[in-house]
Every structure is written in structure tokens, then in C-alpha cells.
Amino acid sequence: MEVRKIVIVKEVIEADGLGEACDPIARVVAMAVVRNPFAGRFVEDLSPLFDLGGRLGERLMGEAVALLARPPVSYGKAAIVGTAGDLEHGAAMIHPKLGKPMRAAVGGGKALIPSNAKVAAIGAAIDLPLGHKDEAWSFDHFDTITVMVADAPRPDEIVLCMAVADGGRPHPRVGDAPITD
């Protein structure tokens, strides 16, 4: 595992977008910038990336959860693949083995972990989706946090992102809406 850097971002929301104060909501994103061993070539077996995602989850998720003021209720994951890589490289990092250490760290995880992946140039941002860890249809917890690493991903790198939050959106008002879709 060739990790170039680890970046951990903690955001504490104290007011909504209109300036109305709310109980503090902490969101933490742990990001690992790693070398993509498959950059520039097509490879059928991506299982080494499955393992890498799992190992990084084990390494970073406990630290992310420890930075929350309250127990985690939401989580999400994302990957930004450098331009010499393929979207499947990001999917391989976030899907098969990352979920288990994330669920272990949050003490639950009945719900699907929302995710996003893309191929992008250095400094690209990604909207990392968040959702309630146990209630997949908790509208009050559907959210995103936008993150980036200024000097990553280089063409032969992947930025793996894992997020946790100790609350939903500030002042949520959609949770009891009838579902008509």
C-alpha cells in the first residue's frame, strides 16, 4: 500500500444556510491519497484495490469517528481517480471491502453506504453523499459534504474518502413528507 498522504477534515455546522442557529453538527472526512497500481492499463482483476479499500477503512474510520462530538449517525464514501485511471478503480476501492470497517467503526450500518466516484484532475472536488447509517429512508439525513485535496489525485493516484457525521441537516423539515414517487 503506497499512501502519499492522509488528510482529515472536520466541519462543525452551527447555523443553517440562512444563519439560523442549530445544535452543532460535526462531519468528519478521512481521505487517503494512494498510488493506483493499475493506472494507465486495463486489468480484469481489481481485487488488490478491494483489499486496499478495506485496509484503509480499518486504518482511518476509527480516527474519524473519534473526532465527532456525539455518536455517529450518518456515513458515506467516495473516490476520486486520477486521469490515468478508470472509474472502475474507484468503484473497486469503495465497494467490496470498505463497508465492513466503516460499519464496525460507526457501531451499526444496516443501511447502504451512500457513495460516489469519478475520474478527475488534480484538485478536483467531489460531493460525498451522506445517509443515516441504519435508516435508509431518513430524509433528514440525506446530505453531502464537498471535499478535495489540493494536490491530488495525480494521474496515477486515487483519493479514497470516508465520512461520518453526528447529525443530519440543520433544521430538517422534509422527514415527514409523503412519498409519492
N, C-alpha and C. Protein backbone atom coordinates (compact mmCIF):
# COMPACT_ATOMS: atom_id res chain seq x y z
N MET A 1 0.85 -1.17 0.00
CA MET A 1 0.00 0.00 0.00
C MET A 1 0.90 1.23 0.00
N GLU A 2 0.81 2.01 -1.05
CA GLU A 2 1.62 3.23 -1.16
C GLU A 2 0.74 4.45 -0.90
N VAL A 3 0.74 4.90 0.36
CA VAL A 3 -0.03 6.07 0.76
C VAL A 3 0.90 7.28 0.67
N ARG A 4 0.48 8.30 -0.09
CA ARG A 4 1.28 9.54 -0.17
C ARG A 4 0.92 10.47 0.97
N LYS A 5 -0.35 10.54 1.30
CA LYS A 5 -0.75 11.40 2.42
C LYS A 5 -2.13 11.03 2.91
N ILE A 6 -2.39 11.43 4.14
CA ILE A 6 -3.70 11.30 4.77
C ILE A 6 -4.16 12.73 5.08
N VAL A 7 -5.41 13.02 4.76
CA VAL A 7 -5.99 14.33 5.08
C VAL A 7 -7.29 14.07 5.83
N ILE A 8 -7.44 14.73 6.97
CA ILE A 8 -8.68 14.59 7.74
C ILE A 8 -9.28 15.98 7.91
N VAL A 9 -10.55 16.10 7.52
CA VAL A 9 -11.26 17.37 7.58
C VAL A 9 -12.41 17.23 8.57
N LYS A 10 -12.51 18.18 9.48
CA LYS A 10 -13.64 18.21 10.41
C LYS A 10 -14.37 19.53 10.20
N GLU A 11 -15.67 19.40 10.00
CA GLU A 11 -16.54 20.56 9.80
C GLU A 11 -17.58 20.54 10.91
N VAL A 12 -17.81 21.68 11.56
CA VAL A 12 -18.85 21.77 12.58
C VAL A 12 -19.83 22.85 12.13
N ILE A 13 -21.07 22.44 11.89
CA ILE A 13 -22.12 23.36 11.45
C ILE A 13 -22.82 23.89 12.70
N GLU A 14 -22.89 25.20 12.83
CA GLU A 14 -23.54 25.83 13.97
C GLU A 14 -24.75 26.66 13.58
N ALA A 15 -24.97 26.82 12.27
CA ALA A 15 -26.14 27.55 11.77
C ALA A 15 -26.45 27.04 10.38
N ASP A 16 -27.71 27.14 9.99
CA ASP A 16 -28.09 26.70 8.64
C ASP A 16 -27.67 27.75 7.61
N GLY A 17 -27.99 27.49 6.36
CA GLY A 17 -27.59 28.39 5.27
C GLY A 17 -28.20 29.78 5.35
N LEU A 18 -29.25 29.93 6.14
CA LEU A 18 -29.89 31.24 6.31
C LEU A 18 -29.44 31.94 7.59
N GLY A 19 -28.52 31.30 8.32
CA GLY A 19 -27.98 31.91 9.52
C GLY A 19 -28.71 31.56 10.80
N GLU A 20 -29.72 30.68 10.74
CA GLU A 20 -30.44 30.26 11.94
C GLU A 20 -29.59 29.28 12.73
N ALA A 21 -29.33 29.60 13.98
CA ALA A 21 -28.51 28.74 14.83
C ALA A 21 -29.14 27.35 14.97
N CYS A 22 -28.29 26.35 15.11
CA CYS A 22 -28.74 24.98 15.32
C CYS A 22 -27.80 24.31 16.30
N ASP A 23 -28.21 23.17 16.82
CA ASP A 23 -27.29 22.38 17.63
C ASP A 23 -26.12 22.02 16.73
N PRO A 24 -24.89 22.06 17.24
CA PRO A 24 -23.73 21.74 16.40
C PRO A 24 -23.82 20.35 15.78
N ILE A 25 -23.48 20.28 14.51
CA ILE A 25 -23.42 19.02 13.77
C ILE A 25 -21.99 18.87 13.25
N ALA A 26 -21.32 17.81 13.68
CA ALA A 26 -19.94 17.58 13.23
C ALA A 26 -19.94 16.58 12.08
N ARG A 27 -19.14 16.88 11.08
CA ARG A 27 -18.93 15.96 9.95
C ARG A 27 -17.41 15.84 9.76
N VAL A 28 -16.94 14.61 9.66
CA VAL A 28 -15.51 14.34 9.51
C VAL A 28 -15.30 13.50 8.26
N VAL A 29 -14.33 13.90 7.46
CA VAL A 29 -13.96 13.12 6.28
C VAL A 29 -12.49 12.76 6.39
N ALA A 30 -12.20 11.47 6.32
CA ALA A 30 -10.83 10.97 6.27
C ALA A 30 -10.52 10.62 4.83
N MET A 31 -9.43 11.17 4.30
CA MET A 31 -9.05 10.93 2.90
C MET A 31 -7.63 10.39 2.84
N ALA A 32 -7.46 9.37 2.03
CA ALA A 32 -6.14 8.78 1.80
C ALA A 32 -5.80 8.94 0.32
N VAL A 33 -4.64 9.50 0.06
CA VAL A 33 -4.14 9.64 -1.31
C VAL A 33 -3.17 8.49 -1.54
N VAL A 34 -3.54 7.58 -2.45
CA VAL A 34 -2.75 6.37 -2.67
C VAL A 34 -2.38 6.22 -4.14
N ARG A 35 -1.29 5.52 -4.36
CA ARG A 35 -0.89 5.22 -5.73
C ARG A 35 -1.85 4.19 -6.32
N ASN A 36 -2.26 4.42 -7.55
CA ASN A 36 -3.13 3.48 -8.25
C ASN A 36 -2.23 2.50 -9.02
N PRO A 37 -2.16 1.25 -8.57
CA PRO A 37 -1.26 0.30 -9.23
C PRO A 37 -1.70 -0.06 -10.65
N PHE A 38 -2.93 0.30 -11.03
CA PHE A 38 -3.43 -0.05 -12.35
C PHE A 38 -3.56 1.16 -13.28
N ALA A 39 -3.02 2.29 -12.89
CA ALA A 39 -3.09 3.49 -13.72
C ALA A 39 -2.47 3.22 -15.08
N GLY A 40 -3.16 3.64 -16.12
CA GLY A 40 -2.63 3.54 -17.48
C GLY A 40 -2.78 2.20 -18.15
N ARG A 41 -3.45 1.25 -17.50
CA ARG A 41 -3.61 -0.06 -18.14
C ARG A 41 -4.91 -0.72 -17.71
N PHE A 42 -5.45 -1.52 -18.61
CA PHE A 42 -6.66 -2.28 -18.33
C PHE A 42 -6.28 -3.57 -17.61
N VAL A 43 -6.92 -3.82 -16.49
CA VAL A 43 -6.69 -5.03 -15.72
C VAL A 43 -8.05 -5.60 -15.35
N GLU A 44 -8.24 -6.87 -15.58
CA GLU A 44 -9.52 -7.52 -15.28
C GLU A 44 -9.71 -7.71 -13.78
N ASP A 45 -8.67 -8.17 -13.08
CA ASP A 45 -8.77 -8.49 -11.65
C ASP A 45 -8.39 -7.26 -10.81
N LEU A 46 -9.39 -6.63 -10.24
CA LEU A 46 -9.17 -5.43 -9.43
C LEU A 46 -9.14 -5.73 -7.93
N SER A 47 -9.07 -7.00 -7.55
CA SER A 47 -9.14 -7.37 -6.14
C SER A 47 -8.06 -6.73 -5.26
N PRO A 48 -6.86 -6.40 -5.77
CA PRO A 48 -5.93 -5.68 -4.89
C PRO A 48 -6.49 -4.33 -4.43
N LEU A 49 -7.31 -3.69 -5.25
CA LEU A 49 -7.94 -2.43 -4.84
C LEU A 49 -9.04 -2.68 -3.82
N PHE A 50 -9.75 -3.82 -3.92
CA PHE A 50 -10.74 -4.18 -2.90
C PHE A 50 -10.04 -4.21 -1.53
N ASP A 51 -8.92 -4.94 -1.49
CA ASP A 51 -8.17 -5.10 -0.24
C ASP A 51 -7.64 -3.77 0.27
N LEU A 52 -7.16 -2.93 -0.62
CA LEU A 52 -6.63 -1.63 -0.24
C LEU A 52 -7.72 -0.78 0.41
N GLY A 53 -8.90 -0.77 -0.18
CA GLY A 53 -10.01 -0.02 0.40
C GLY A 53 -10.34 -0.51 1.80
N GLY A 54 -10.37 -1.83 1.98
CA GLY A 54 -10.67 -2.39 3.29
C GLY A 54 -9.62 -2.02 4.33
N ARG A 55 -8.35 -2.12 3.95
CA ARG A 55 -7.27 -1.79 4.89
C ARG A 55 -7.29 -0.31 5.27
N LEU A 56 -7.57 0.56 4.31
CA LEU A 56 -7.65 1.99 4.62
C LEU A 56 -8.85 2.30 5.51
N GLY A 57 -9.95 1.61 5.30
CA GLY A 57 -11.10 1.78 6.17
C GLY A 57 -10.77 1.40 7.61
N GLU A 58 -10.07 0.29 7.78
CA GLU A 58 -9.66 -0.14 9.11
C GLU A 58 -8.72 0.87 9.75
N ARG A 59 -7.86 1.44 8.95
CA ARG A 59 -6.86 2.38 9.46
C ARG A 59 -7.45 3.74 9.84
N LEU A 60 -8.43 4.22 9.07
CA LEU A 60 -8.87 5.61 9.22
C LEU A 60 -10.23 5.84 9.87
N MET A 61 -11.14 4.88 9.78
CA MET A 61 -12.50 5.15 10.24
C MET A 61 -12.60 5.38 11.75
N GLY A 62 -11.85 4.64 12.54
CA GLY A 62 -11.88 4.85 13.98
C GLY A 62 -11.45 6.25 14.35
N GLU A 63 -10.44 6.74 13.68
CA GLU A 63 -9.95 8.10 13.93
C GLU A 63 -11.01 9.14 13.54
N ALA A 64 -11.68 8.92 12.43
CA ALA A 64 -12.73 9.85 12.01
C ALA A 64 -13.87 9.88 13.03
N VAL A 65 -14.32 8.72 13.47
CA VAL A 65 -15.41 8.65 14.45
C VAL A 65 -14.99 9.30 15.76
N ALA A 66 -13.74 9.14 16.17
CA ALA A 66 -13.26 9.72 17.43
C ALA A 66 -13.30 11.25 17.41
N LEU A 67 -13.31 11.84 16.24
CA LEU A 67 -13.34 13.31 16.14
C LEU A 67 -14.75 13.89 16.24
N LEU A 68 -15.77 13.03 16.27
CA LEU A 68 -17.14 13.51 16.42
C LEU A 68 -17.42 13.83 17.88
N ALA A 69 -18.27 14.82 18.12
CA ALA A 69 -18.65 15.18 19.49
C ALA A 69 -19.67 14.21 20.06
N ARG A 70 -20.47 13.60 19.19
CA ARG A 70 -21.52 12.66 19.61
C ARG A 70 -21.38 11.38 18.79
N PRO A 71 -22.15 10.35 19.10
CA PRO A 71 -22.08 9.12 18.32
C PRO A 71 -22.44 9.36 16.85
N PRO A 72 -21.81 8.62 15.94
CA PRO A 72 -22.11 8.79 14.52
C PRO A 72 -23.51 8.30 14.17
N VAL A 73 -24.17 9.05 13.29
CA VAL A 73 -25.49 8.62 12.80
C VAL A 73 -25.52 8.51 11.28
N SER A 74 -24.59 9.19 10.61
CA SER A 74 -24.57 9.17 9.14
C SER A 74 -23.19 8.80 8.65
N TYR A 75 -23.17 8.26 7.41
CA TYR A 75 -21.89 7.95 6.80
C TYR A 75 -21.99 8.00 5.29
N GLY A 76 -20.82 7.98 4.65
CA GLY A 76 -20.75 7.99 3.19
C GLY A 76 -19.32 7.75 2.75
N LYS A 77 -19.15 7.50 1.45
CA LYS A 77 -17.81 7.21 0.93
C LYS A 77 -17.72 7.69 -0.51
N ALA A 78 -16.49 7.94 -0.96
CA ALA A 78 -16.28 8.41 -2.33
C ALA A 78 -14.83 8.14 -2.74
N ALA A 79 -14.61 8.22 -4.04
CA ALA A 79 -13.25 8.08 -4.58
C ALA A 79 -13.09 9.00 -5.77
N ILE A 80 -11.94 9.64 -5.82
CA ILE A 80 -11.55 10.44 -6.99
C ILE A 80 -10.36 9.72 -7.61
N VAL A 81 -10.51 9.29 -8.84
CA VAL A 81 -9.47 8.55 -9.55
C VAL A 81 -8.72 9.51 -10.46
N GLY A 82 -7.40 9.48 -10.42
CA GLY A 82 -6.60 10.30 -11.31
C GLY A 82 -6.83 9.96 -12.77
N THR A 83 -6.47 10.86 -13.66
CA THR A 83 -6.81 10.75 -15.08
C THR A 83 -6.17 9.59 -15.82
N ALA A 84 -5.16 8.95 -15.25
CA ALA A 84 -4.59 7.76 -15.88
C ALA A 84 -5.31 6.50 -15.42
N GLY A 85 -6.31 6.66 -14.57
CA GLY A 85 -7.06 5.53 -14.05
C GLY A 85 -8.42 5.42 -14.70
N ASP A 86 -9.21 4.49 -14.19
CA ASP A 86 -10.53 4.19 -14.72
C ASP A 86 -11.54 4.29 -13.58
N LEU A 87 -12.78 4.63 -13.90
CA LEU A 87 -13.83 4.73 -12.89
C LEU A 87 -13.94 3.45 -12.08
N GLU A 88 -13.73 2.30 -12.71
CA GLU A 88 -13.81 1.02 -12.00
C GLU A 88 -12.77 0.91 -10.89
N HIS A 89 -11.66 1.63 -11.02
CA HIS A 89 -10.66 1.62 -9.95
C HIS A 89 -11.23 2.25 -8.68
N GLY A 90 -11.98 3.33 -8.84
CA GLY A 90 -12.63 3.96 -7.69
C GLY A 90 -13.71 3.06 -7.11
N ALA A 91 -14.50 2.44 -7.99
CA ALA A 91 -15.54 1.52 -7.52
C ALA A 91 -14.93 0.36 -6.74
N ALA A 92 -13.79 -0.13 -7.21
CA ALA A 92 -13.12 -1.24 -6.53
C ALA A 92 -12.64 -0.84 -5.14
N MET A 93 -12.26 0.41 -4.98
CA MET A 93 -11.80 0.89 -3.67
C MET A 93 -12.96 1.04 -2.68
N ILE A 94 -14.12 1.49 -3.16
CA ILE A 94 -15.19 1.84 -2.21
C ILE A 94 -16.25 0.77 -2.01
N HIS A 95 -16.33 -0.24 -2.86
CA HIS A 95 -17.46 -1.15 -2.71
C HIS A 95 -17.19 -2.47 -2.01
N PRO A 96 -16.38 -3.37 -2.51
CA PRO A 96 -16.41 -4.72 -1.93
C PRO A 96 -15.98 -4.84 -0.47
N LYS A 97 -14.97 -4.07 -0.01
CA LYS A 97 -14.44 -4.32 1.33
C LYS A 97 -14.39 -3.10 2.24
N LEU A 98 -14.73 -1.93 1.77
CA LEU A 98 -14.67 -0.73 2.61
C LEU A 98 -15.83 -0.68 3.60
N GLY A 99 -16.97 -1.22 3.23
CA GLY A 99 -18.15 -1.14 4.09
C GLY A 99 -17.98 -1.79 5.44
N LYS A 100 -17.34 -2.93 5.51
CA LYS A 100 -17.22 -3.65 6.79
C LYS A 100 -16.51 -2.82 7.86
N PRO A 101 -15.32 -2.24 7.58
CA PRO A 101 -14.69 -1.43 8.63
C PRO A 101 -15.45 -0.13 8.92
N MET A 102 -16.17 0.40 7.93
CA MET A 102 -16.97 1.59 8.19
C MET A 102 -18.10 1.26 9.15
N ARG A 103 -18.80 0.16 8.89
CA ARG A 103 -19.90 -0.24 9.77
C ARG A 103 -19.40 -0.56 11.18
N ALA A 104 -18.26 -1.21 11.28
CA ALA A 104 -17.70 -1.53 12.59
C ALA A 104 -17.39 -0.25 13.37
N ALA A 105 -16.85 0.74 12.69
CA ALA A 105 -16.47 1.99 13.36
C ALA A 105 -17.68 2.80 13.83
N VAL A 106 -18.79 2.73 13.09
CA VAL A 106 -19.97 3.51 13.48
C VAL A 106 -20.90 2.73 14.40
N GLY A 107 -20.62 1.46 14.64
CA GLY A 107 -21.45 0.68 15.53
C GLY A 107 -22.83 0.41 14.97
N GLY A 108 -22.90 0.01 13.75
CA GLY A 108 -24.18 -0.27 13.10
C GLY A 108 -23.97 -0.36 11.61
N GLY A 109 -24.94 0.14 10.90
CA GLY A 109 -24.79 0.16 9.46
C GLY A 109 -25.73 -0.76 8.75
N LYS A 110 -27.00 -0.72 9.12
CA LYS A 110 -28.00 -1.53 8.42
C LYS A 110 -28.29 -0.99 7.03
N ALA A 111 -28.08 0.32 6.84
CA ALA A 111 -28.39 0.96 5.57
C ALA A 111 -27.19 0.93 4.62
N LEU A 112 -27.50 0.93 3.35
CA LEU A 112 -26.48 1.05 2.31
C LEU A 112 -25.65 2.30 2.56
N ILE A 113 -24.35 2.22 2.33
CA ILE A 113 -23.49 3.38 2.50
C ILE A 113 -23.52 4.18 1.19
N PRO A 114 -24.05 5.41 1.23
CA PRO A 114 -24.09 6.21 0.00
C PRO A 114 -22.67 6.43 -0.53
N SER A 115 -22.55 6.46 -1.86
CA SER A 115 -21.21 6.58 -2.43
C SER A 115 -21.21 7.36 -3.74
N ASN A 116 -20.02 7.76 -4.13
CA ASN A 116 -19.81 8.49 -5.37
C ASN A 116 -18.37 8.24 -5.81
N ALA A 117 -18.14 8.19 -7.10
CA ALA A 117 -16.79 8.05 -7.63
C ALA A 117 -16.72 8.77 -8.96
N LYS A 118 -15.53 9.27 -9.27
CA LYS A 118 -15.33 9.92 -10.56
C LYS A 118 -13.85 9.93 -10.91
N VAL A 119 -13.58 10.14 -12.19
CA VAL A 119 -12.22 10.34 -12.68
C VAL A 119 -12.05 11.85 -12.85
N ALA A 120 -10.95 12.38 -12.33
CA ALA A 120 -10.77 13.84 -12.38
C ALA A 120 -9.31 14.21 -12.26
N ALA A 121 -9.04 15.47 -12.53
CA ALA A 121 -7.68 16.01 -12.48
C ALA A 121 -7.33 16.47 -11.07
N ILE A 122 -6.08 16.83 -10.90
CA ILE A 122 -5.57 17.31 -9.61
C ILE A 122 -6.44 18.45 -9.09
N GLY A 123 -6.78 18.38 -7.82
CA GLY A 123 -7.53 19.43 -7.15
C GLY A 123 -9.03 19.36 -7.33
N ALA A 124 -9.52 18.34 -8.00
CA ALA A 124 -10.96 18.22 -8.21
C ALA A 124 -11.68 17.96 -6.89
N ALA A 125 -12.86 18.54 -6.78
CA ALA A 125 -13.71 18.29 -5.62
C ALA A 125 -14.68 17.16 -5.94
N ILE A 126 -15.18 16.52 -4.89
CA ILE A 126 -16.21 15.51 -5.06
C ILE A 126 -17.29 15.75 -4.02
N ASP A 127 -18.53 15.58 -4.42
CA ASP A 127 -19.66 15.66 -3.50
C ASP A 127 -19.86 14.27 -2.90
N LEU A 128 -19.51 14.14 -1.64
CA LEU A 128 -19.59 12.87 -0.93
C LEU A 128 -20.97 12.80 -0.27
N PRO A 129 -21.80 11.84 -0.68
CA PRO A 129 -23.15 11.76 -0.12
C PRO A 129 -23.13 11.15 1.28
N LEU A 130 -24.05 11.62 2.11
CA LEU A 130 -24.22 11.09 3.46
C LEU A 130 -25.64 10.57 3.61
N GLY A 131 -25.79 9.52 4.38
CA GLY A 131 -27.10 8.97 4.70
C GLY A 131 -27.06 8.33 6.07
N HIS A 132 -28.23 8.19 6.68
CA HIS A 132 -28.31 7.59 8.01
C HIS A 132 -27.76 6.17 7.96
N LYS A 133 -27.01 5.80 8.98
CA LYS A 133 -26.34 4.50 8.98
C LYS A 133 -27.29 3.31 9.13
N ASP A 134 -28.46 3.53 9.71
CA ASP A 134 -29.38 2.42 9.93
C ASP A 134 -30.75 2.59 9.28
N GLU A 135 -31.12 3.79 8.95
CA GLU A 135 -32.43 4.07 8.36
C GLU A 135 -32.24 4.65 6.96
N ALA A 136 -32.29 3.80 5.96
CA ALA A 136 -32.01 4.23 4.59
C ALA A 136 -32.94 5.33 4.10
N TRP A 137 -34.16 5.40 4.62
CA TRP A 137 -35.13 6.38 4.15
C TRP A 137 -35.29 7.56 5.11
N SER A 138 -34.29 7.83 5.92
CA SER A 138 -34.33 9.01 6.78
C SER A 138 -33.98 10.24 5.95
N PHE A 139 -34.99 10.90 5.42
CA PHE A 139 -34.78 12.07 4.57
C PHE A 139 -33.99 13.15 5.29
N ASP A 140 -34.14 13.27 6.60
CA ASP A 140 -33.44 14.30 7.36
C ASP A 140 -31.93 14.12 7.36
N HIS A 141 -31.47 12.94 6.96
CA HIS A 141 -30.04 12.67 6.94
C HIS A 141 -29.45 12.61 5.54
N PHE A 142 -30.27 12.80 4.50
CA PHE A 142 -29.73 12.87 3.14
C PHE A 142 -28.96 14.18 3.03
N ASP A 143 -27.69 14.10 2.75
CA ASP A 143 -26.84 15.29 2.76
C ASP A 143 -25.61 15.03 1.91
N THR A 144 -24.79 16.03 1.73
CA THR A 144 -23.49 15.86 1.07
C THR A 144 -22.48 16.76 1.77
N ILE A 145 -21.24 16.38 1.63
CA ILE A 145 -20.14 17.25 2.02
C ILE A 145 -19.17 17.24 0.84
N THR A 146 -18.75 18.41 0.42
CA THR A 146 -17.85 18.53 -0.72
C THR A 146 -16.42 18.61 -0.20
N VAL A 147 -15.56 17.74 -0.73
CA VAL A 147 -14.18 17.67 -0.27
C VAL A 147 -13.23 17.61 -1.46
N MET A 148 -11.98 17.94 -1.18
CA MET A 148 -10.92 17.84 -2.19
C MET A 148 -9.57 17.88 -1.48
N VAL A 149 -8.57 17.44 -2.20
CA VAL A 149 -7.19 17.56 -1.75
C VAL A 149 -6.48 18.37 -2.83
N ALA A 150 -5.90 19.48 -2.46
CA ALA A 150 -5.37 20.45 -3.43
C ALA A 150 -4.40 19.85 -4.44
N ASP A 151 -3.56 18.92 -4.03
CA ASP A 151 -2.55 18.37 -4.94
C ASP A 151 -2.83 16.92 -5.32
N ALA A 152 -4.10 16.55 -5.33
CA ALA A 152 -4.44 15.15 -5.64
C ALA A 152 -5.82 15.10 -6.29
N PRO A 153 -6.09 14.05 -7.04
CA PRO A 153 -5.18 12.94 -7.34
C PRO A 153 -4.27 13.29 -8.53
N ARG A 154 -3.04 12.91 -8.42
CA ARG A 154 -2.15 12.95 -9.58
C ARG A 154 -2.67 11.89 -10.54
N PRO A 155 -2.26 11.90 -11.81
CA PRO A 155 -2.82 10.94 -12.77
C PRO A 155 -2.77 9.49 -12.32
N ASP A 156 -1.75 9.12 -11.55
CA ASP A 156 -1.59 7.72 -11.13
C ASP A 156 -2.00 7.50 -9.67
N GLU A 157 -2.96 8.31 -9.18
CA GLU A 157 -3.39 8.19 -7.79
C GLU A 157 -4.91 8.04 -7.68
N ILE A 158 -5.33 7.65 -6.49
CA ILE A 158 -6.74 7.61 -6.11
C ILE A 158 -6.86 8.30 -4.75
N VAL A 159 -7.87 9.14 -4.61
CA VAL A 159 -8.19 9.72 -3.31
C VAL A 159 -9.41 8.96 -2.78
N LEU A 160 -9.22 8.21 -1.71
CA LEU A 160 -10.31 7.48 -1.07
C LEU A 160 -10.84 8.34 0.07
N CYS A 161 -12.16 8.55 0.11
CA CYS A 161 -12.79 9.43 1.09
C CYS A 161 -13.84 8.66 1.88
N MET A 162 -13.80 8.81 3.21
CA MET A 162 -14.78 8.17 4.10
C MET A 162 -15.30 9.22 5.05
N ALA A 163 -16.62 9.33 5.18
CA ALA A 163 -17.20 10.38 6.01
C ALA A 163 -18.13 9.82 7.07
N VAL A 164 -18.18 10.53 8.20
CA VAL A 164 -19.13 10.25 9.27
C VAL A 164 -19.67 11.58 9.77
N ALA A 165 -20.89 11.54 10.31
CA ALA A 165 -21.49 12.74 10.87
C ALA A 165 -22.29 12.36 12.11
N ASP A 166 -22.38 13.31 13.05
CA ASP A 166 -23.15 13.04 14.26
C ASP A 166 -24.52 13.70 14.25
N GLY A 167 -24.96 14.09 13.06
CA GLY A 167 -26.30 14.67 12.91
C GLY A 167 -26.66 14.74 11.44
N GLY A 168 -27.91 15.07 11.20
CA GLY A 168 -28.38 15.25 9.82
C GLY A 168 -28.21 16.69 9.40
N ARG A 169 -29.09 17.16 8.53
CA ARG A 169 -29.04 18.56 8.10
C ARG A 169 -29.54 19.46 9.23
N PRO A 170 -29.07 20.71 9.28
CA PRO A 170 -29.62 21.63 10.28
C PRO A 170 -31.07 21.97 9.95
N HIS A 171 -31.91 21.96 10.96
CA HIS A 171 -33.33 22.30 10.81
C HIS A 171 -34.02 21.52 9.70
N PRO A 172 -33.94 20.19 9.68
CA PRO A 172 -34.59 19.42 8.61
C PRO A 172 -36.11 19.53 8.72
N ARG A 173 -36.75 19.63 7.56
CA ARG A 173 -38.21 19.78 7.54
C ARG A 173 -38.86 18.91 6.48
N VAL A 174 -38.15 17.92 5.97
CA VAL A 174 -38.67 17.08 4.89
C VAL A 174 -39.05 15.69 5.39
N GLY A 175 -38.58 15.30 6.55
CA GLY A 175 -38.69 13.93 7.04
C GLY A 175 -40.07 13.32 7.07
N ASP A 176 -41.13 14.12 7.28
CA ASP A 176 -42.47 13.56 7.35
C ASP A 176 -43.25 13.70 6.05
N ALA A 177 -42.58 14.12 4.99
CA ALA A 177 -43.27 14.31 3.71
C ALA A 177 -43.73 12.95 3.17
N PRO A 178 -44.92 12.90 2.57
CA PRO A 178 -45.39 11.64 1.99
C PRO A 178 -44.55 11.28 0.76
N ILE A 179 -44.28 10.01 0.59
CA ILE A 179 -43.54 9.53 -0.57
C ILE A 179 -44.54 9.25 -1.69
N THR A 180 -44.38 9.92 -2.82
CA THR A 180 -45.31 9.74 -3.94
C THR A 180 -44.59 9.32 -5.21
N ASP A 181 -43.30 9.13 -5.15
CA ASP A 181 -42.55 8.73 -6.37
C ASP A 181 -42.90 7.33 -6.80
